[in-house]
């Protein structure tokens, strides 16, 4: 299976970019029409997030574009294993790289937090190809064959893929070596793994591990996102985030997570059609006091 997926990746990955994006848009629109479950989830999430800010027609348009973006990401992901640094010219540009360099210069490692926005897989490849390979924290996929292929594709640009289970000690060591760690901080987690923070006006259970990792390691924390603009992409790297440290570990974890989640929300509000609204972000709910 892995050999077949690599062959498919090679074929798709060497097609003209315009063909890939057109194919992605077409596939995304088709999936939007036939995938009732995820279409419903996307529209419900958008209504929860934007309430009366957007009309039903606007919600419908954004939801359709979400599917288009996901499908385009799929086709572009097949290009990732074959990308070279020279391929980034005119394809991916960066704003705020000086913020990353400042964070790296502190010598205690860099924790980059991001979201499932734009083509996040391409952003990881960008860091690797630019000479700053990262430790990318992921959840293992259920299908072993697909998992092996995806890990291969993600690591071709120099990044290291790390399963999120019991990884804290390894990440502390790597950050002490001034490594870069990339974490997606916009997914629902079980109550035991997270803290409830505001996200579009509703409490969302969010992974508290990154905040605890930052507190323990002393790593510099920066937000980094990628947005799609036609055939091109822009990586935007924010300034170093202040890490709240009062000595109260749980409170600090909640406040830092809330701060970073607010940054993620602000970016999503600017490009809602490029976020992963098909995910059940508010699935875990706070326990009610009896």
C-alpha atoms as a PDB file:
ATOM      1  CA  UNK A   1       0.000   0.000   0.000  1.00  0.00           C
ATOM      2  CA  UNK A   2       2.781   2.429   0.902  1.00  0.00           C
ATOM      3  CA  UNK A   3       4.543   1.853  -2.420  1.00  0.00           C
ATOM      4  CA  UNK A   4       1.292   2.515  -4.273  1.00  0.00           C
ATOM      5  CA  UNK A   5       0.665   5.740  -2.351  1.00  0.00           C
ATOM      6  CA  UNK A   6       4.211   6.918  -3.088  1.00  0.00           C
ATOM      7  CA  UNK A   7       3.677   6.217  -6.790  1.00  0.00           C
ATOM      8  CA  UNK A   8       0.394   8.138  -6.770  1.00  0.00           C
ATOM      9  CA  UNK A   9       2.106  10.966  -4.905  1.00  0.00           C
ATOM     10  CA  UNK A  10       4.856  11.099  -7.528  1.00  0.00           C
ATOM     11  CA  UNK A  11       2.375  11.308 -10.383  1.00  0.00           C
ATOM     12  CA  UNK A  12       0.090  13.869  -8.760  1.00  0.00           C
ATOM     13  CA  UNK A  13       3.003  15.798  -7.299  1.00  0.00           C
ATOM     14  CA  UNK A  14       4.511  16.442 -10.711  1.00  0.00           C
ATOM     15  CA  UNK A  15       1.349  17.750 -12.366  1.00  0.00           C
ATOM     16  CA  UNK A  16       1.130  21.504 -13.046  1.00  0.00           C
ATOM     17  CA  UNK A  17       0.007  23.428  -9.966  1.00  0.00           C
ATOM     18  CA  UNK A  18      -2.939  24.938 -11.814  1.00  0.00           C
ATOM     19  CA  UNK A  19      -4.220  21.465 -12.673  1.00  0.00           C
ATOM     20  CA  UNK A  20      -3.902  20.372  -9.043  1.00  0.00           C
ATOM     21  CA  UNK A  21      -5.780  23.355  -7.685  1.00  0.00           C
ATOM     22  CA  UNK A  22      -8.552  23.078 -10.265  1.00  0.00           C
ATOM     23  CA  UNK A  23      -8.884  19.373  -9.461  1.00  0.00           C
ATOM     24  CA  UNK A  24      -8.981  20.180  -5.754  1.00  0.00           C
ATOM     25  CA  UNK A  25     -11.700  22.780  -6.107  1.00  0.00           C
ATOM     26  CA  UNK A  26     -13.769  20.442  -8.246  1.00  0.00           C
ATOM     27  CA  UNK A  27     -13.357  17.541  -5.833  1.00  0.00           C
ATOM     28  CA  UNK A  28     -14.120  19.795  -2.863  1.00  0.00           C
ATOM     29  CA  UNK A  29     -17.384  20.968  -4.377  1.00  0.00           C
ATOM     30  CA  UNK A  30     -18.375  17.389  -5.154  1.00  0.00           C
ATOM     31  CA  UNK A  31     -17.601  16.195  -1.625  1.00  0.00           C
ATOM     32  CA  UNK A  32     -19.540  19.126  -0.213  1.00  0.00           C
ATOM     33  CA  UNK A  33     -22.607  17.961  -2.113  1.00  0.00           C
ATOM     34  CA  UNK A  34     -22.401  14.279  -1.134  1.00  0.00           C
ATOM     35  CA  UNK A  35     -20.883  14.360   2.373  1.00  0.00           C
ATOM     36  CA  UNK A  36     -23.943  15.359   4.361  1.00  0.00           C
ATOM     37  CA  UNK A  37     -22.444  14.603   7.777  1.00  0.00           C
ATOM     38  CA  UNK A  38     -19.374  16.833   7.473  1.00  0.00           C
ATOM     39  CA  UNK A  39     -21.325  19.513   5.597  1.00  0.00           C
ATOM     40  CA  UNK A  40     -23.766  19.649   8.501  1.00  0.00           C
ATOM     41  CA  UNK A  41     -20.922  19.807  11.045  1.00  0.00           C
ATOM     42  CA  UNK A  42     -19.229  22.651   9.188  1.00  0.00           C
ATOM     43  CA  UNK A  43     -22.404  24.722   8.927  1.00  0.00           C
ATOM     44  CA  UNK A  44     -23.342  24.106  12.569  1.00  0.00           C
ATOM     45  CA  UNK A  45     -19.860  25.138  13.699  1.00  0.00           C
ATOM     46  CA  UNK A  46     -19.945  28.279  11.576  1.00  0.00           C
ATOM     47  CA  UNK A  47     -23.336  29.266  12.984  1.00  0.00           C
ATOM     48  CA  UNK A  48     -22.088  28.646  16.529  1.00  0.00           C
ATOM     49  CA  UNK A  49     -19.004  30.774  15.887  1.00  0.00           C
ATOM     50  CA  UNK A  50     -20.548  33.671  13.999  1.00  0.00           C
ATOM     51  CA  UNK A  51     -24.127  33.669  15.280  1.00  0.00           C
ATOM     52  CA  UNK A  52     -25.958  36.573  13.688  1.00  0.00           C
ATOM     53  CA  UNK A  53     -22.774  38.057  12.206  1.00  0.00           C
ATOM     54  CA  UNK A  54     -23.252  36.166   8.945  1.00  0.00           C
ATOM     55  CA  UNK A  55     -26.291  35.284   6.862  1.00  0.00           C
ATOM     56  CA  UNK A  56     -27.257  31.735   5.901  1.00  0.00           C
ATOM     57  CA  UNK A  57     -25.988  32.411   2.387  1.00  0.00           C
ATOM     58  CA  UNK A  58     -22.613  33.563   3.751  1.00  0.00           C
ATOM     59  CA  UNK A  59     -22.427  30.471   5.960  1.00  0.00           C
ATOM     60  CA  UNK A  60     -23.197  28.261   2.955  1.00  0.00           C
ATOM     61  CA  UNK A  61     -20.510  29.953   0.850  1.00  0.00           C
ATOM     62  CA  UNK A  62     -17.857  29.676   3.556  1.00  0.00           C
ATOM     63  CA  UNK A  63     -18.693  26.019   4.195  1.00  0.00           C
ATOM     64  CA  UNK A  64     -18.340  25.168   0.496  1.00  0.00           C
ATOM     65  CA  UNK A  65     -14.996  26.965   0.302  1.00  0.00           C
ATOM     66  CA  UNK A  66     -13.823  25.028   3.363  1.00  0.00           C
ATOM     67  CA  UNK A  67     -14.307  21.790   1.443  1.00  0.00           C
ATOM     68  CA  UNK A  68     -12.534  23.277  -1.569  1.00  0.00           C
ATOM     69  CA  UNK A  69      -9.549  24.274   0.578  1.00  0.00           C
ATOM     70  CA  UNK A  70      -9.308  20.834   2.186  1.00  0.00           C
ATOM     71  CA  UNK A  71      -9.340  19.128  -1.222  1.00  0.00           C
ATOM     72  CA  UNK A  72      -6.718  21.523  -2.615  1.00  0.00           C
ATOM     73  CA  UNK A  73      -4.604  20.780   0.460  1.00  0.00           C
ATOM     74  CA  UNK A  74      -4.849  17.071  -0.324  1.00  0.00           C
ATOM     75  CA  UNK A  75      -3.525  17.516  -3.855  1.00  0.00           C
ATOM     76  CA  UNK A  76      -0.801  19.915  -2.731  1.00  0.00           C
ATOM     77  CA  UNK A  77       0.211  17.500   0.021  1.00  0.00           C
ATOM     78  CA  UNK A  78       1.127  15.041  -2.717  1.00  0.00           C
ATOM     79  CA  UNK A  79       3.674  17.623  -3.919  1.00  0.00           C
ATOM     80  CA  UNK A  80       5.328  18.007  -0.525  1.00  0.00           C
ATOM     81  CA  UNK A  81       7.654  14.972  -0.747  1.00  0.00           C
ATOM     82  CA  UNK A  82       9.087  16.278  -4.027  1.00  0.00           C
ATOM     83  CA  UNK A  83       9.545  19.936  -3.109  1.00  0.00           C
ATOM     84  CA  UNK A  84      12.985  21.551  -3.070  1.00  0.00           C
ATOM     85  CA  UNK A  85      13.933  24.868  -1.516  1.00  0.00           C
ATOM     86  CA  UNK A  86      14.049  26.470  -4.968  1.00  0.00           C
ATOM     87  CA  UNK A  87      10.407  25.475  -5.507  1.00  0.00           C
ATOM     88  CA  UNK A  88       9.353  27.876  -2.749  1.00  0.00           C
ATOM     89  CA  UNK A  89      10.266  30.930  -4.827  1.00  0.00           C
ATOM     90  CA  UNK A  90       7.050  32.517  -6.029  1.00  0.00           C
ATOM     91  CA  UNK A  91       5.055  29.790  -4.274  1.00  0.00           C
ATOM     92  CA  UNK A  92       5.472  30.446  -0.544  1.00  0.00           C
ATOM     93  CA  UNK A  93       6.484  33.789   0.939  1.00  0.00           C
ATOM     94  CA  UNK A  94       7.008  34.676   4.578  1.00  0.00           C
ATOM     95  CA  UNK A  95       6.185  37.651   6.753  1.00  0.00           C
ATOM     96  CA  UNK A  96       7.770  38.045  10.167  1.00  0.00           C
ATOM     97  CA  UNK A  97      10.709  35.667   9.817  1.00  0.00           C
ATOM     98  CA  UNK A  98      12.705  38.042  12.025  1.00  0.00           C
ATOM     99  CA  UNK A  99      10.418  36.991  14.905  1.00  0.00           C
ATOM    100  CA  UNK A 100      11.434  33.373  14.416  1.00  0.00           C
ATOM    101  CA  UNK A 101      15.127  34.293  14.307  1.00  0.00           C
ATOM    102  CA  UNK A 102      14.786  36.287  17.521  1.00  0.00           C
ATOM    103  CA  UNK A 103      13.079  33.344  19.229  1.00  0.00           C
ATOM    104  CA  UNK A 104      15.796  30.959  18.035  1.00  0.00           C
ATOM    105  CA  UNK A 105      18.543  33.291  19.248  1.00  0.00           C
ATOM    106  CA  UNK A 106      17.390  32.908  22.850  1.00  0.00           C
ATOM    107  CA  UNK A 107      18.831  29.393  22.810  1.00  0.00           C
ATOM    108  CA  UNK A 108      16.098  27.615  24.757  1.00  0.00           C
ATOM    109  CA  UNK A 109      14.214  26.187  21.799  1.00  0.00           C
ATOM    110  CA  UNK A 110      11.194  27.499  19.951  1.00  0.00           C
ATOM    111  CA  UNK A 111       7.637  26.295  20.368  1.00  0.00           C
ATOM    112  CA  UNK A 112       5.564  27.205  17.324  1.00  0.00           C
ATOM    113  CA  UNK A 113       1.821  26.983  17.780  1.00  0.00           C
ATOM    114  CA  UNK A 114      -0.521  27.004  14.818  1.00  0.00           C
ATOM    115  CA  UNK A 115      -3.910  25.851  13.547  1.00  0.00           C
ATOM    116  CA  UNK A 116      -5.496  23.800  10.775  1.00  0.00           C
ATOM    117  CA  UNK A 117      -5.624  26.920   8.632  1.00  0.00           C
ATOM    118  CA  UNK A 118      -4.709  27.319   4.964  1.00  0.00           C
ATOM    119  CA  UNK A 119      -2.298  24.552   3.979  1.00  0.00           C
ATOM    120  CA  UNK A 120      -0.691  23.799   7.342  1.00  0.00           C
ATOM    121  CA  UNK A 121       1.206  20.811   5.940  1.00  0.00           C
ATOM    122  CA  UNK A 122       2.937  23.100   3.455  1.00  0.00           C
ATOM    123  CA  UNK A 123       3.947  25.456   6.259  1.00  0.00           C
ATOM    124  CA  UNK A 124       5.703  22.604   8.056  1.00  0.00           C
ATOM    125  CA  UNK A 125       7.503  21.762   4.816  1.00  0.00           C
ATOM    126  CA  UNK A 126       8.490  25.424   4.453  1.00  0.00           C
ATOM    127  CA  UNK A 127      10.262  25.452   7.819  1.00  0.00           C
ATOM    128  CA  UNK A 128      12.124  22.258   6.973  1.00  0.00           C
ATOM    129  CA  UNK A 129      13.215  23.385   3.519  1.00  0.00           C
ATOM    130  CA  UNK A 130      14.359  26.755   4.874  1.00  0.00           C
ATOM    131  CA  UNK A 131      16.826  24.968   7.134  1.00  0.00           C
ATOM    132  CA  UNK A 132      14.780  24.943  10.328  1.00  0.00           C
ATOM    133  CA  UNK A 133      13.411  21.390  10.587  1.00  0.00           C
ATOM    134  CA  UNK A 134      10.876  20.904  13.346  1.00  0.00           C
ATOM    135  CA  UNK A 135       9.601  18.254  15.682  1.00  0.00           C
ATOM    136  CA  UNK A 136       5.976  18.004  14.526  1.00  0.00           C
ATOM    137  CA  UNK A 137       3.554  16.642  17.131  1.00  0.00           C
ATOM    138  CA  UNK A 138       0.777  14.552  15.574  1.00  0.00           C
ATOM    139  CA  UNK A 139      -1.890  11.997  16.380  1.00  0.00           C
ATOM    140  CA  UNK A 140      -1.217   8.650  14.720  1.00  0.00           C
ATOM    141  CA  UNK A 141      -3.680   7.693  11.980  1.00  0.00           C
ATOM    142  CA  UNK A 142      -5.815   4.582  12.356  1.00  0.00           C
ATOM    143  CA  UNK A 143      -4.670   2.937   9.104  1.00  0.00           C
ATOM    144  CA  UNK A 144      -1.031   1.735   9.476  1.00  0.00           C
ATOM    145  CA  UNK A 145      -0.329   1.897   5.733  1.00  0.00           C
ATOM    146  CA  UNK A 146      -1.630   5.445   5.379  1.00  0.00           C
ATOM    147  CA  UNK A 147       0.181   6.414   8.588  1.00  0.00           C
ATOM    148  CA  UNK A 148       3.498   5.155   7.200  1.00  0.00           C
ATOM    149  CA  UNK A 149       3.013   7.054   3.938  1.00  0.00           C
ATOM    150  CA  UNK A 150       2.004  10.300   5.652  1.00  0.00           C
ATOM    151  CA  UNK A 151       4.999  10.126   8.003  1.00  0.00           C
ATOM    152  CA  UNK A 152       7.278   9.558   5.018  1.00  0.00           C
ATOM    153  CA  UNK A 153       5.777  12.506   3.148  1.00  0.00           C
ATOM    154  CA  UNK A 154       5.954  14.840   6.130  1.00  0.00           C
ATOM    155  CA  UNK A 155       9.566  13.970   6.917  1.00  0.00           C
ATOM    156  CA  UNK A 156      10.919  14.361   3.360  1.00  0.00           C
ATOM    157  CA  UNK A 157      11.555  18.077   3.962  1.00  0.00           C
ATOM    158  CA  UNK A 158      13.632  17.359   7.054  1.00  0.00           C
ATOM    159  CA  UNK A 159      11.014  17.423   9.787  1.00  0.00           C
ATOM    160  CA  UNK A 160      10.707  14.790  12.500  1.00  0.00           C
ATOM    161  CA  UNK A 161       7.249  13.383  13.196  1.00  0.00           C
ATOM    162  CA  UNK A 162       6.513  12.677  16.865  1.00  0.00           C
ATOM    163  CA  UNK A 163       3.445  10.885  18.218  1.00  0.00           C
ATOM    164  CA  UNK A 164       1.717  12.948  20.892  1.00  0.00           C
ATOM    165  CA  UNK A 165       1.439  10.081  23.398  1.00  0.00           C
ATOM    166  CA  UNK A 166       3.888  10.385  26.318  1.00  0.00           C
ATOM    167  CA  UNK A 167       6.129  12.821  24.505  1.00  0.00           C
ATOM    168  CA  UNK A 168       6.708  15.552  27.107  1.00  0.00           C
ATOM    169  CA  UNK A 169      10.104  14.354  28.352  1.00  0.00           C
ATOM    170  CA  UNK A 170      11.495  14.025  24.831  1.00  0.00           C
ATOM    171  CA  UNK A 171      10.292  17.494  23.858  1.00  0.00           C
ATOM    172  CA  UNK A 172      11.836  19.070  26.965  1.00  0.00           C
ATOM    173  CA  UNK A 173      15.165  17.513  26.003  1.00  0.00           C
ATOM    174  CA  UNK A 174      14.902  18.627  22.375  1.00  0.00           C
ATOM    175  CA  UNK A 175      13.994  22.188  23.335  1.00  0.00           C
ATOM    176  CA  UNK A 176      17.002  22.301  25.664  1.00  0.00           C
ATOM    177  CA  UNK A 177      19.011  21.598  22.493  1.00  0.00           C
ATOM    178  CA  UNK A 178      17.382  24.669  20.863  1.00  0.00           C
ATOM    179  CA  UNK A 179      15.147  22.603  18.611  1.00  0.00           C
ATOM    180  CA  UNK A 180      11.911  23.786  17.035  1.00  0.00           C
ATOM    181  CA  UNK A 181       8.651  22.121  18.070  1.00  0.00           C
ATOM    182  CA  UNK A 182       5.464  22.586  16.055  1.00  0.00           C
ATOM    183  CA  UNK A 183       2.072  22.090  17.711  1.00  0.00           C
ATOM    184  CA  UNK A 184      -1.472  22.363  16.339  1.00  0.00           C
ATOM    185  CA  UNK A 185      -3.519  23.974  19.109  1.00  0.00           C
ATOM    186  CA  UNK A 186      -7.008  24.137  17.636  1.00  0.00           C
ATOM    187  CA  UNK A 187      -8.474  20.674  18.180  1.00  0.00           C
ATOM    188  CA  UNK A 188     -10.870  19.291  20.751  1.00  0.00           C
ATOM    189  CA  UNK A 189      -9.303  17.057  23.413  1.00  0.00           C
ATOM    190  CA  UNK A 190     -10.642  14.984  26.288  1.00  0.00           C
ATOM    191  CA  UNK A 191     -11.296  16.881  29.515  1.00  0.00           C
ATOM    192  CA  UNK A 192      -8.365  15.165  31.250  1.00  0.00           C
ATOM    193  CA  UNK A 193      -5.939  16.505  28.617  1.00  0.00           C
ATOM    194  CA  UNK A 194      -7.115  20.065  28.405  1.00  0.00           C
ATOM    195  CA  UNK A 195      -8.521  23.239  29.876  1.00  0.00           C
ATOM    196  CA  UNK A 196     -11.703  25.026  28.838  1.00  0.00           C
ATOM    197  CA  UNK A 197     -11.035  28.387  27.220  1.00  0.00           C
ATOM    198  CA  UNK A 198     -13.115  30.765  25.148  1.00  0.00           C
ATOM    199  CA  UNK A 199     -13.188  30.095  21.409  1.00  0.00           C
ATOM    200  CA  UNK A 200     -15.671  32.128  19.370  1.00  0.00           C
ATOM    201  CA  UNK A 201     -17.747  32.761  22.471  1.00  0.00           C
ATOM    202  CA  UNK A 202     -18.064  29.117  23.571  1.00  0.00           C
ATOM    203  CA  UNK A 203     -15.871  27.190  26.006  1.00  0.00           C
ATOM    204  CA  UNK A 204     -13.646  24.763  24.067  1.00  0.00           C
ATOM    205  CA  UNK A 205     -11.524  22.030  25.636  1.00  0.00           C
ATOM    206  CA  UNK A 206      -7.988  22.778  24.483  1.00  0.00           C
ATOM    207  CA  UNK A 207      -4.731  20.884  24.986  1.00  0.00           C
ATOM    208  CA  UNK A 208      -2.917  22.264  28.043  1.00  0.00           C
ATOM    209  CA  UNK A 209       0.279  20.328  27.269  1.00  0.00           C
ATOM    210  CA  UNK A 210       1.897  23.078  25.160  1.00  0.00           C
ATOM    211  CA  UNK A 211       1.459  25.661  27.925  1.00  0.00           C
ATOM    212  CA  UNK A 212       2.992  23.294  30.472  1.00  0.00           C
ATOM    213  CA  UNK A 213       5.823  22.479  28.051  1.00  0.00           C
ATOM    214  CA  UNK A 214       6.573  26.179  27.597  1.00  0.00           C
ATOM    215  CA  UNK A 215       6.605  26.761  31.362  1.00  0.00           C
ATOM    216  CA  UNK A 216       8.937  23.835  32.064  1.00  0.00           C
ATOM    217  CA  UNK A 217      11.331  24.355  29.158  1.00  0.00           C
ATOM    218  CA  UNK A 218      11.523  28.132  29.040  1.00  0.00           C
ATOM    219  CA  UNK A 219      11.233  27.931  25.259  1.00  0.00           C
ATOM    220  CA  UNK A 220      10.270  30.987  23.247  1.00  0.00           C
ATOM    221  CA  UNK A 221       6.663  30.690  22.022  1.00  0.00           C
ATOM    222  CA  UNK A 222       5.547  32.126  18.685  1.00  0.00           C
ATOM    223  CA  UNK A 223       2.381  31.866  16.587  1.00  0.00           C
ATOM    224  CA  UNK A 224       2.776  30.902  12.944  1.00  0.00           C
ATOM    225  CA  UNK A 225       0.064  30.506  10.322  1.00  0.00           C
ATOM    226  CA  UNK A 226      -0.194  30.036   6.587  1.00  0.00           C
ATOM    227  CA  UNK A 227      -2.883  31.505   4.354  1.00  0.00           C
ATOM    228  CA  UNK A 228      -3.768  30.677   0.770  1.00  0.00           C
ATOM    229  CA  UNK A 229      -3.949  33.413  -1.844  1.00  0.00           C
ATOM    230  CA  UNK A 230      -4.759  31.896  -5.219  1.00  0.00           C
ATOM    231  CA  UNK A 231      -1.806  29.757  -6.309  1.00  0.00           C
ATOM    232  CA  UNK A 232       0.433  31.260  -3.656  1.00  0.00           C
ATOM    233  CA  UNK A 233       0.750  30.964   0.116  1.00  0.00           C
ATOM    234  CA  UNK A 234       1.980  33.296   2.821  1.00  0.00           C
ATOM    235  CA  UNK A 235       3.496  32.148   6.112  1.00  0.00           C
ATOM    236  CA  UNK A 236       2.894  34.744   8.821  1.00  0.00           C
ATOM    237  CA  UNK A 237       5.049  34.520  11.949  1.00  0.00           C
ATOM    238  CA  UNK A 238       3.932  36.561  14.928  1.00  0.00           C
ATOM    239  CA  UNK A 239       5.965  38.137  17.699  1.00  0.00           C
ATOM    240  CA  UNK A 240       7.152  36.130  20.681  1.00  0.00           C
ATOM    241  CA  UNK A 241       4.269  35.482  23.064  1.00  0.00           C
ATOM    242  CA  UNK A 242       4.680  36.382  26.701  1.00  0.00           C
ATOM    243  CA  UNK A 243       4.381  33.231  28.802  1.00  0.00           C
ATOM    244  CA  UNK A 244       2.511  33.894  32.041  1.00  0.00           C
ATOM    245  CA  UNK A 245       4.338  32.329  34.979  1.00  0.00           C
ATOM    246  CA  UNK A 246       2.999  32.955  38.488  1.00  0.00           C
ATOM    247  CA  UNK A 247       3.863  29.595  40.024  1.00  0.00           C
ATOM    248  CA  UNK A 248       0.284  28.329  39.858  1.00  0.00           C
ATOM    249  CA  UNK A 249       0.745  25.660  37.168  1.00  0.00           C
ATOM    250  CA  UNK A 250      -2.920  25.000  36.429  1.00  0.00           C
ATOM    251  CA  UNK A 251      -3.917  28.641  36.358  1.00  0.00           C
ATOM    252  CA  UNK A 252      -0.906  29.549  34.231  1.00  0.00           C
ATOM    253  CA  UNK A 253      -1.696  26.736  31.791  1.00  0.00           C
ATOM    254  CA  UNK A 254      -5.260  27.989  31.447  1.00  0.00           C
ATOM    255  CA  UNK A 255      -4.302  31.636  30.965  1.00  0.00           C
ATOM    256  CA  UNK A 256      -1.554  30.910  28.438  1.00  0.00           C
ATOM    257  CA  UNK A 257      -3.777  28.508  26.508  1.00  0.00           C
ATOM    258  CA  UNK A 258      -6.565  31.089  26.491  1.00  0.00           C
ATOM    259  CA  UNK A 259      -4.186  33.744  25.192  1.00  0.00           C
ATOM    260  CA  UNK A 260      -2.899  31.562  22.354  1.00  0.00           C
ATOM    261  CA  UNK A 261      -6.392  30.355  21.473  1.00  0.00           C
ATOM    262  CA  UNK A 262      -7.517  33.978  21.195  1.00  0.00           C
ATOM    263  CA  UNK A 263      -4.718  34.595  18.698  1.00  0.00           C
ATOM    264  CA  UNK A 264      -5.854  31.582  16.676  1.00  0.00           C
ATOM    265  CA  UNK A 265      -9.445  32.851  16.683  1.00  0.00           C
ATOM    266  CA  UNK A 266      -8.356  36.289  15.458  1.00  0.00           C
ATOM    267  CA  UNK A 267      -6.539  34.735  12.492  1.00  0.00           C
ATOM    268  CA  UNK A 268      -9.446  32.430  11.645  1.00  0.00           C
ATOM    269  CA  UNK A 269     -11.872  35.364  11.665  1.00  0.00           C
ATOM    270  CA  UNK A 270      -9.864  36.946   8.847  1.00  0.00           C
ATOM    271  CA  UNK A 271      -9.910  33.774   6.704  1.00  0.00           C
ATOM    272  CA  UNK A 272     -12.811  31.603   7.948  1.00  0.00           C
ATOM    273  CA  UNK A 273     -13.053  29.715   4.648  1.00  0.00           C
ATOM    274  CA  UNK A 274      -9.552  28.330   5.225  1.00  0.00           C
ATOM    275  CA  UNK A 275     -10.074  26.766   8.663  1.00  0.00           C
ATOM    276  CA  UNK A 276     -11.034  23.146   9.366  1.00  0.00           C
ATOM    277  CA  UNK A 277     -14.672  23.660  10.354  1.00  0.00           C
ATOM    278  CA  UNK A 278     -15.521  19.991   9.747  1.00  0.00           C
ATOM    279  CA  UNK A 279     -13.851  19.153  13.087  1.00  0.00           C
ATOM    280  CA  UNK A 280     -16.131  18.957  16.158  1.00  0.00           C
ATOM    281  CA  UNK A 281     -14.197  21.613  18.055  1.00  0.00           C
ATOM    282  CA  UNK A 282     -16.705  21.936  20.911  1.00  0.00           C
ATOM    283  CA  UNK A 283     -17.388  18.223  21.369  1.00  0.00           C
ATOM    284  CA  UNK A 284     -16.041  17.933  24.941  1.00  0.00           C
ATOM    285  CA  UNK A 285     -18.224  19.856  27.362  1.00  0.00           C
ATOM    286  CA  UNK A 286     -17.522  21.055  30.931  1.00  0.00           C
ATOM    287  CA  UNK A 287     -18.996  18.885  33.654  1.00  0.00           C
ATOM    288  CA  UNK A 288     -22.007  20.408  35.349  1.00  0.00           C
ATOM    289  CA  UNK A 289     -21.837  20.868  39.082  1.00  0.00           C
ATOM    290  CA  UNK A 290     -24.439  18.699  40.774  1.00  0.00           C
END
